[in-house]
Amino acid sequence: MKRKKMKKMGEFLVGLEVSFVRNNIKVKGEIIKALDRSAIIEISQADADKIESLSTLTVVHHRNYEIITNQVHKKVT
């Protein structure tokens, strides 16, 4: 039952803009996938360079980010 509940919560979180601190630098990004205890967040290349990350994707525990806006950013294809 917990997995079913998390799946619904994960669907709600995807697309939200969030901020978090990595290497003492505040970073903004968008949740692209929510997991049980963390989320995969896509950040800009500029922010990836600032925090010395090789990727624009990073994993952040749910308690370590703040939701910036409740508006979901859906990508238009």
PDB file of N, CA and C in Angstrom:
ATOM      1  N   MET A   1       0.811  -1.194   0.000  1.00  0.00           N
ATOM      2  CA  MET A   1       0.000   0.000   0.000  1.00  0.00           C
ATOM      3  C   MET A   1       0.859   1.264   0.000  1.00  0.00           C
ATOM      4  N   LYS A   2       2.006   1.235   0.670  1.00  0.00           N
ATOM      5  CA  LYS A   2       2.880   2.397   0.711  1.00  0.00           C
ATOM      6  C   LYS A   2       3.370   2.759  -0.689  1.00  0.00           C
ATOM      7  N   ARG A   3       3.728   1.766  -1.482  1.00  0.00           N
ATOM      8  CA  ARG A   3       4.212   2.021  -2.838  1.00  0.00           C
ATOM      9  C   ARG A   3       3.143   2.704  -3.686  1.00  0.00           C
ATOM     10  N   LYS A   4       1.903   2.261  -3.525  1.00  0.00           N
ATOM     11  CA  LYS A   4       0.808   2.858  -4.284  1.00  0.00           C
ATOM     12  C   LYS A   4       0.642   4.330  -3.907  1.00  0.00           C
ATOM     13  N   LYS A   5       0.730   4.616  -2.608  1.00  0.00           N
ATOM     14  CA  LYS A   5       0.612   5.991  -2.131  1.00  0.00           C
ATOM     15  C   LYS A   5       1.771   6.832  -2.656  1.00  0.00           C
ATOM     16  N   MET A   6       2.997   6.288  -2.629  1.00  0.00           N
ATOM     17  CA  MET A   6       4.162   7.027  -3.107  1.00  0.00           C
ATOM     18  C   MET A   6       4.066   7.276  -4.598  1.00  0.00           C
ATOM     19  N   LYS A   7       3.509   6.331  -5.344  1.00  0.00           N
ATOM     20  CA  LYS A   7       3.379   6.524  -6.780  1.00  0.00           C
ATOM     21  C   LYS A   7       2.496   7.730  -7.065  1.00  0.00           C
ATOM     22  N   LYS A   8       1.386   7.856  -6.333  1.00  0.00           N
ATOM     23  CA  LYS A   8       0.512   9.012  -6.515  1.00  0.00           C
ATOM     24  C   LYS A   8       1.223  10.292  -6.109  1.00  0.00           C
ATOM     25  N   MET A   9       1.958  10.271  -5.003  1.00  0.00           N
ATOM     26  CA  MET A   9       2.700  11.442  -4.554  1.00  0.00           C
ATOM     27  C   MET A   9       3.776  11.793  -5.571  1.00  0.00           C
ATOM     28  N   GLY A  10       4.441  10.791  -6.122  1.00  0.00           N
ATOM     29  CA  GLY A  10       5.468  11.022  -7.124  1.00  0.00           C
ATOM     30  C   GLY A  10       4.919  11.698  -8.361  1.00  0.00           C
ATOM     31  N   GLU A  11       3.730  11.302  -8.772  1.00  0.00           N
ATOM     32  CA  GLU A  11       3.096  11.936  -9.929  1.00  0.00           C
ATOM     33  C   GLU A  11       2.828  13.408  -9.649  1.00  0.00           C
ATOM     34  N   PHE A  12       2.489  13.739  -8.411  1.00  0.00           N
ATOM     35  CA  PHE A  12       2.237  15.121  -8.022  1.00  0.00           C
ATOM     36  C   PHE A  12       3.530  15.939  -8.038  1.00  0.00           C
ATOM     37  N   LEU A  13       4.636  15.355  -7.612  1.00  0.00           N
ATOM     38  CA  LEU A  13       5.896  16.082  -7.484  1.00  0.00           C
ATOM     39  C   LEU A  13       6.587  16.347  -8.812  1.00  0.00           C
ATOM     40  N   VAL A  14       6.408  15.472  -9.786  1.00  0.00           N
ATOM     41  CA  VAL A  14       7.100  15.619 -11.069  1.00  0.00           C
ATOM     42  C   VAL A  14       6.704  16.938 -11.722  1.00  0.00           C
ATOM     43  N   GLY A  15       7.730  17.700 -12.117  1.00  0.00           N
ATOM     44  CA  GLY A  15       7.508  18.973 -12.781  1.00  0.00           C
ATOM     45  C   GLY A  15       7.590  20.176 -11.863  1.00  0.00           C
ATOM     46  N   LEU A  16       7.631  19.945 -10.540  1.00  0.00           N
ATOM     47  CA  LEU A  16       7.711  21.070  -9.613  1.00  0.00           C
ATOM     48  C   LEU A  16       9.108  21.675  -9.619  1.00  0.00           C
ATOM     49  N   GLU A  17       9.167  22.994  -9.495  1.00  0.00           N
ATOM     50  CA  GLU A  17      10.438  23.696  -9.396  1.00  0.00           C
ATOM     51  C   GLU A  17      10.848  23.716  -7.927  1.00  0.00           C
ATOM     52  N   VAL A  18      12.081  23.325  -7.652  1.00  0.00           N
ATOM     53  CA  VAL A  18      12.574  23.233  -6.281  1.00  0.00           C
ATOM     54  C   VAL A  18      13.938  23.896  -6.155  1.00  0.00           C
ATOM     55  N   SER A  19      14.337  24.156  -4.917  1.00  0.00           N
ATOM     56  CA  SER A  19      15.693  24.641  -4.657  1.00  0.00           C
ATOM     57  C   SER A  19      16.294  23.798  -3.540  1.00  0.00           C
ATOM     58  N   PHE A  20      17.611  23.693  -3.565  1.00  0.00           N
ATOM     59  CA  PHE A  20      18.341  22.938  -2.548  1.00  0.00           C
ATOM     60  C   PHE A  20      19.758  23.475  -2.480  1.00  0.00           C
ATOM     61  N   VAL A  21      20.476  23.111  -1.438  1.00  0.00           N
ATOM     62  CA  VAL A  21      21.851  23.572  -1.263  1.00  0.00           C
ATOM     63  C   VAL A  21      22.791  22.396  -1.469  1.00  0.00           C
ATOM     64  N   ARG A  22      23.784  22.602  -2.323  1.00  0.00           N
ATOM     65  CA  ARG A  22      24.816  21.591  -2.572  1.00  0.00           C
ATOM     66  C   ARG A  22      26.154  22.311  -2.576  1.00  0.00           C
ATOM     67  N   ASN A  23      27.100  21.853  -1.800  1.00  0.00           N
ATOM     68  CA  ASN A  23      28.421  22.481  -1.685  1.00  0.00           C
ATOM     69  C   ASN A  23      28.308  23.958  -1.302  1.00  0.00           C
ATOM     70  N   ASN A  24      27.380  24.265  -0.386  1.00  0.00           N
ATOM     71  CA  ASN A  24      27.122  25.631   0.092  1.00  0.00           C
ATOM     72  C   ASN A  24      26.642  26.579  -0.999  1.00  0.00           C
ATOM     73  N   ILE A  25      26.089  26.049  -2.071  1.00  0.00           N
ATOM     74  CA  ILE A  25      25.556  26.851  -3.174  1.00  0.00           C
ATOM     75  C   ILE A  25      24.086  26.501  -3.353  1.00  0.00           C
ATOM     76  N   LYS A  26      23.236  27.534  -3.396  1.00  0.00           N
ATOM     77  CA  LYS A  26      21.804  27.303  -3.603  1.00  0.00           C
ATOM     78  C   LYS A  26      21.556  27.051  -5.088  1.00  0.00           C
ATOM     79  N   VAL A  27      20.869  25.960  -5.372  1.00  0.00           N
ATOM     80  CA  VAL A  27      20.641  25.506  -6.742  1.00  0.00           C
ATOM     81  C   VAL A  27      19.137  25.360  -6.967  1.00  0.00           C
ATOM     82  N   LYS A  28      18.688  25.695  -8.177  1.00  0.00           N
ATOM     83  CA  LYS A  28      17.289  25.501  -8.554  1.00  0.00           C
ATOM     84  C   LYS A  28      17.209  24.424  -9.619  1.00  0.00           C
ATOM     85  N   GLY A  29      16.106  23.694  -9.615  1.00  0.00           N
ATOM     86  CA  GLY A  29      15.911  22.667 -10.624  1.00  0.00           C
ATOM     87  C   GLY A  29      14.473  22.208 -10.665  1.00  0.00           C
ATOM     88  N   GLU A  30      14.235  21.203 -11.482  1.00  0.00           N
ATOM     89  CA  GLU A  30      12.892  20.663 -11.666  1.00  0.00           C
ATOM     90  C   GLU A  30      12.901  19.166 -11.391  1.00  0.00           C
ATOM     91  N   ILE A  31      11.934  18.708 -10.612  1.00  0.00           N
ATOM     92  CA  ILE A  31      11.828  17.278 -10.318  1.00  0.00           C
ATOM     93  C   ILE A  31      11.390  16.550 -11.582  1.00  0.00           C
ATOM     94  N   ILE A  32      12.181  15.561 -11.996  1.00  0.00           N
ATOM     95  CA  ILE A  32      11.799  14.778 -13.171  1.00  0.00           C
ATOM     96  C   ILE A  32      11.343  13.375 -12.795  1.00  0.00           C
ATOM     97  N   LYS A  33      11.704  12.928 -11.565  1.00  0.00           N
ATOM     98  CA  LYS A  33      11.233  11.628 -11.079  1.00  0.00           C
ATOM     99  C   LYS A  33      11.296  11.635  -9.563  1.00  0.00           C
ATOM    100  N   ALA A  34      10.222  11.167  -8.940  1.00  0.00           N
ATOM    101  CA  ALA A  34      10.183  11.065  -7.483  1.00  0.00           C
ATOM    102  C   ALA A  34      10.325   9.602  -7.089  1.00  0.00           C
ATOM    103  N   LEU A  35      11.227   9.345  -6.161  1.00  0.00           N
ATOM    104  CA  LEU A  35      11.457   8.006  -5.633  1.00  0.00           C
ATOM    105  C   LEU A  35      10.900   7.950  -4.210  1.00  0.00           C
ATOM    106  N   ASP A  36      11.057   6.819  -3.515  1.00  0.00           N
ATOM    107  CA  ASP A  36      10.509   6.684  -2.163  1.00  0.00           C
ATOM    108  C   ASP A  36      11.040   7.748  -1.204  1.00  0.00           C
ATOM    109  N   ARG A  37      12.344   7.941  -1.179  1.00  0.00           N
ATOM    110  CA  ARG A  37      12.950   8.859  -0.210  1.00  0.00           C
ATOM    111  C   ARG A  37      13.652  10.050  -0.845  1.00  0.00           C
ATOM    112  N   SER A  38      13.714  10.085  -2.155  1.00  0.00           N
ATOM    113  CA  SER A  38      14.443  11.155  -2.826  1.00  0.00           C
ATOM    114  C   SER A  38      13.812  11.463  -4.173  1.00  0.00           C
ATOM    115  N   ALA A  39      14.379  12.461  -4.834  1.00  0.00           N
ATOM    116  CA  ALA A  39      13.888  12.849  -6.153  1.00  0.00           C
ATOM    117  C   ALA A  39      15.078  13.063  -7.076  1.00  0.00           C
ATOM    118  N   ILE A  40      14.882  12.767  -8.343  1.00  0.00           N
ATOM    119  CA  ILE A  40      15.876  13.088  -9.358  1.00  0.00           C
ATOM    120  C   ILE A  40      15.509  14.463  -9.887  1.00  0.00           C
ATOM    121  N   ILE A  41      16.460  15.378  -9.806  1.00  0.00           N
ATOM    122  CA  ILE A  41      16.217  16.770 -10.156  1.00  0.00           C
ATOM    123  C   ILE A  41      17.140  17.172 -11.293  1.00  0.00           C
ATOM    124  N   GLU A  42      16.561  17.826 -12.298  1.00  0.00           N
ATOM    125  CA  GLU A  42      17.343  18.347 -13.414  1.00  0.00           C
ATOM    126  C   GLU A  42      17.677  19.802 -13.126  1.00  0.00           C
ATOM    127  N   ILE A  43      18.969  20.128 -13.197  1.00  0.00           N
ATOM    128  CA  ILE A  43      19.437  21.490 -12.953  1.00  0.00           C
ATOM    129  C   ILE A  43      20.069  22.030 -14.232  1.00  0.00           C
ATOM    130  N   SER A  44      20.296  23.329 -14.271  1.00  0.00           N
ATOM    131  CA  SER A  44      20.913  23.937 -15.452  1.00  0.00           C
ATOM    132  C   SER A  44      22.389  23.554 -15.526  1.00  0.00           C
ATOM    133  N   GLN A  45      22.954  23.657 -16.708  1.00  0.00           N
ATOM    134  CA  GLN A  45      24.377  23.366 -16.875  1.00  0.00           C
ATOM    135  C   GLN A  45      25.212  24.351 -16.065  1.00  0.00           C
ATOM    136  N   ALA A  46      24.759  25.611 -15.995  1.00  0.00           N
ATOM    137  CA  ALA A  46      25.480  26.622 -15.215  1.00  0.00           C
ATOM    138  C   ALA A  46      25.528  26.233 -13.737  1.00  0.00           C
ATOM    139  N   ASP A  47      24.391  25.769 -13.193  1.00  0.00           N
ATOM    140  CA  ASP A  47      24.375  25.329 -11.796  1.00  0.00           C
ATOM    141  C   ASP A  47      25.211  24.068 -11.605  1.00  0.00           C
ATOM    142  N   ALA A  48      25.180  23.164 -12.579  1.00  0.00           N
ATOM    143  CA  ALA A  48      26.002  21.951 -12.498  1.00  0.00           C
ATOM    144  C   ALA A  48      27.483  22.324 -12.434  1.00  0.00           C
ATOM    145  N   ASP A  49      27.878  23.306 -13.223  1.00  0.00           N
ATOM    146  CA  ASP A  49      29.270  23.765 -13.196  1.00  0.00           C
ATOM    147  C   ASP A  49      29.620  24.390 -11.843  1.00  0.00           C
ATOM    148  N   LYS A  50      28.697  25.176 -11.288  1.00  0.00           N
ATOM    149  CA  LYS A  50      28.942  25.831  -9.996  1.00  0.00           C
ATOM    150  C   LYS A  50      29.177  24.817  -8.883  1.00  0.00           C
ATOM    151  N   ILE A  51      28.410  23.727  -8.892  1.00  0.00           N
ATOM    152  CA  ILE A  51      28.557  22.725  -7.825  1.00  0.00           C
ATOM    153  C   ILE A  51      29.525  21.609  -8.219  1.00  0.00           C
ATOM    154  N   GLU A  52      30.187  21.799  -9.358  1.00  0.00           N
ATOM    155  CA  GLU A  52      31.198  20.868  -9.859  1.00  0.00           C
ATOM    156  C   GLU A  52      30.636  19.475 -10.097  1.00  0.00           C
ATOM    157  N   SER A  53      29.447  19.437 -10.709  1.00  0.00           N
ATOM    158  CA  SER A  53      28.804  18.174 -11.058  1.00  0.00           C
ATOM    159  C   SER A  53      29.029  17.902 -12.537  1.00  0.00           C
ATOM    160  N   LEU A  54      29.272  16.657 -12.884  1.00  0.00           N
ATOM    161  CA  LEU A  54      29.475  16.295 -14.281  1.00  0.00           C
ATOM    162  C   LEU A  54      28.162  16.154 -15.037  1.00  0.00           C
ATOM    163  N   SER A  55      27.056  16.114 -14.301  1.00  0.00           N
ATOM    164  CA  SER A  55      25.746  15.886 -14.905  1.00  0.00           C
ATOM    165  C   SER A  55      24.769  16.977 -14.488  1.00  0.00           C
ATOM    166  N   THR A  56      23.745  17.184 -15.307  1.00  0.00           N
ATOM    167  CA  THR A  56      22.676  18.115 -14.941  1.00  0.00           C
ATOM    168  C   THR A  56      21.577  17.401 -14.161  1.00  0.00           C
ATOM    169  N   LEU A  57      21.751  16.112 -13.911  1.00  0.00           N
ATOM    170  CA  LEU A  57      20.805  15.348 -13.096  1.00  0.00           C
ATOM    171  C   LEU A  57      21.446  15.058 -11.748  1.00  0.00           C
ATOM    172  N   THR A  58      20.676  15.231 -10.685  1.00  0.00           N
ATOM    173  CA  THR A  58      21.190  14.964  -9.350  1.00  0.00           C
ATOM    174  C   THR A  58      20.076  14.399  -8.477  1.00  0.00           C
ATOM    175  N   VAL A  59      20.456  13.657  -7.457  1.00  0.00           N
ATOM    176  CA  VAL A  59      19.494  13.050  -6.540  1.00  0.00           C
ATOM    177  C   VAL A  59      19.514  13.832  -5.231  1.00  0.00           C
ATOM    178  N   VAL A  60      18.313  14.199  -4.758  1.00  0.00           N
ATOM    179  CA  VAL A  60      18.187  14.971  -3.524  1.00  0.00           C
ATOM    180  C   VAL A  60      17.112  14.324  -2.650  1.00  0.00           C
ATOM    181  N   HIS A  61      17.428  14.104  -1.374  1.00  0.00           N
ATOM    182  CA  HIS A  61      16.454  13.550  -0.426  1.00  0.00           C
ATOM    183  C   HIS A  61      15.293  14.535  -0.289  1.00  0.00           C
ATOM    184  N   HIS A  62      14.085  14.004  -0.104  1.00  0.00           N
ATOM    185  CA  HIS A  62      12.897  14.858  -0.033  1.00  0.00           C
ATOM    186  C   HIS A  62      13.008  15.948   1.034  1.00  0.00           C
ATOM    187  N   ARG A  63      13.650  15.663   2.144  1.00  0.00           N
ATOM    188  CA  ARG A  63      13.728  16.672   3.209  1.00  0.00           C
ATOM    189  C   ARG A  63      14.762  17.762   2.913  1.00  0.00           C
ATOM    190  N   ASN A  64      15.558  17.580   1.848  1.00  0.00           N
ATOM    191  CA  ASN A  64      16.632  18.528   1.561  1.00  0.00           C
ATOM    192  C   ASN A  64      16.326  19.515   0.442  1.00  0.00           C
ATOM    193  N   TYR A  65      15.091  19.560  -0.029  1.00  0.00           N
ATOM    194  CA  TYR A  65      14.732  20.578  -1.018  1.00  0.00           C
ATOM    195  C   TYR A  65      13.472  21.297  -0.593  1.00  0.00           C
ATOM    196  N   GLU A  66      13.295  22.498  -1.156  1.00  0.00           N
ATOM    197  CA  GLU A  66      12.097  23.293  -0.911  1.00  0.00           C
ATOM    198  C   GLU A  66      11.386  23.497  -2.234  1.00  0.00           C
ATOM    199  N   ILE A  67      10.070  23.416  -2.210  1.00  0.00           N
ATOM    200  CA  ILE A  67       9.291  23.675  -3.418  1.00  0.00           C
ATOM    201  C   ILE A  67       9.215  25.183  -3.603  1.00  0.00           C
ATOM    202  N   ILE A  68       9.626  25.652  -4.780  1.00  0.00           N
ATOM    203  CA  ILE A  68       9.613  27.080  -5.081  1.00  0.00           C
ATOM    204  C   ILE A  68       8.221  27.515  -5.512  1.00  0.00           C
ATOM    205  N   THR A  69       7.613  26.715  -6.360  1.00  0.00           N
ATOM    206  CA  THR A  69       6.294  27.053  -6.872  1.00  0.00           C
ATOM    207  C   THR A  69       5.469  25.789  -7.001  1.00  0.00           C
ATOM    208  N   ASN A  70       4.173  25.917  -6.849  1.00  0.00           N
ATOM    209  CA  ASN A  70       3.281  24.774  -7.012  1.00  0.00           C
ATOM    210  C   ASN A  70       2.900  24.569  -8.465  1.00  0.00           C
ATOM    211  N   GLN A  71       3.328  25.473  -9.330  1.00  0.00           N
ATOM    212  CA  GLN A  71       2.997  25.352 -10.747  1.00  0.00           C
ATOM    213  C   GLN A  71       3.912  24.314 -11.387  1.00  0.00           C
ATOM    214  N   VAL A  72       3.301  23.353 -12.031  1.00  0.00           N
ATOM    215  CA  VAL A  72       4.056  22.291 -12.694  1.00  0.00           C
ATOM    216  C   VAL A  72       4.473  22.781 -14.067  1.00  0.00           C
ATOM    217  N   HIS A  73       5.740  22.579 -14.398  1.00  0.00           N
ATOM    218  CA  HIS A  73       6.263  22.968 -15.705  1.00  0.00           C
ATOM    219  C   HIS A  73       6.232  21.764 -16.626  1.00  0.00           C
ATOM    220  N   LYS A  74       5.243  21.700 -17.462  1.00  0.00           N
ATOM    221  CA  LYS A  74       5.130  20.598 -18.418  1.00  0.00           C
ATOM    222  C   LYS A  74       5.867  20.977 -19.694  1.00  0.00           C
ATOM    223  N   LYS A  75       6.686  20.068 -20.176  1.00  0.00           N
ATOM    224  CA  LYS A  75       7.416  20.307 -21.418  1.00  0.00           C
ATOM    225  C   LYS A  75       6.500  20.049 -22.602  1.00  0.00           C
ATOM    226  N   VAL A  76       6.499  20.977 -23.529  1.00  0.00           N
ATOM    227  CA  VAL A  76       5.673  20.846 -24.729  1.00  0.00           C
ATOM    228  C   VAL A  76       6.491  20.140 -25.795  1.00  0.00           C
ATOM    229  N   THR A  77       5.902  19.088 -26.376  1.00  0.00           N
ATOM    230  CA  THR A  77       6.632  18.348 -27.413  1.00  0.00           C
ATOM    231  C   THR A  77       6.031  18.576 -28.768  1.00  0.00           C
TER     232      THR A  77
END
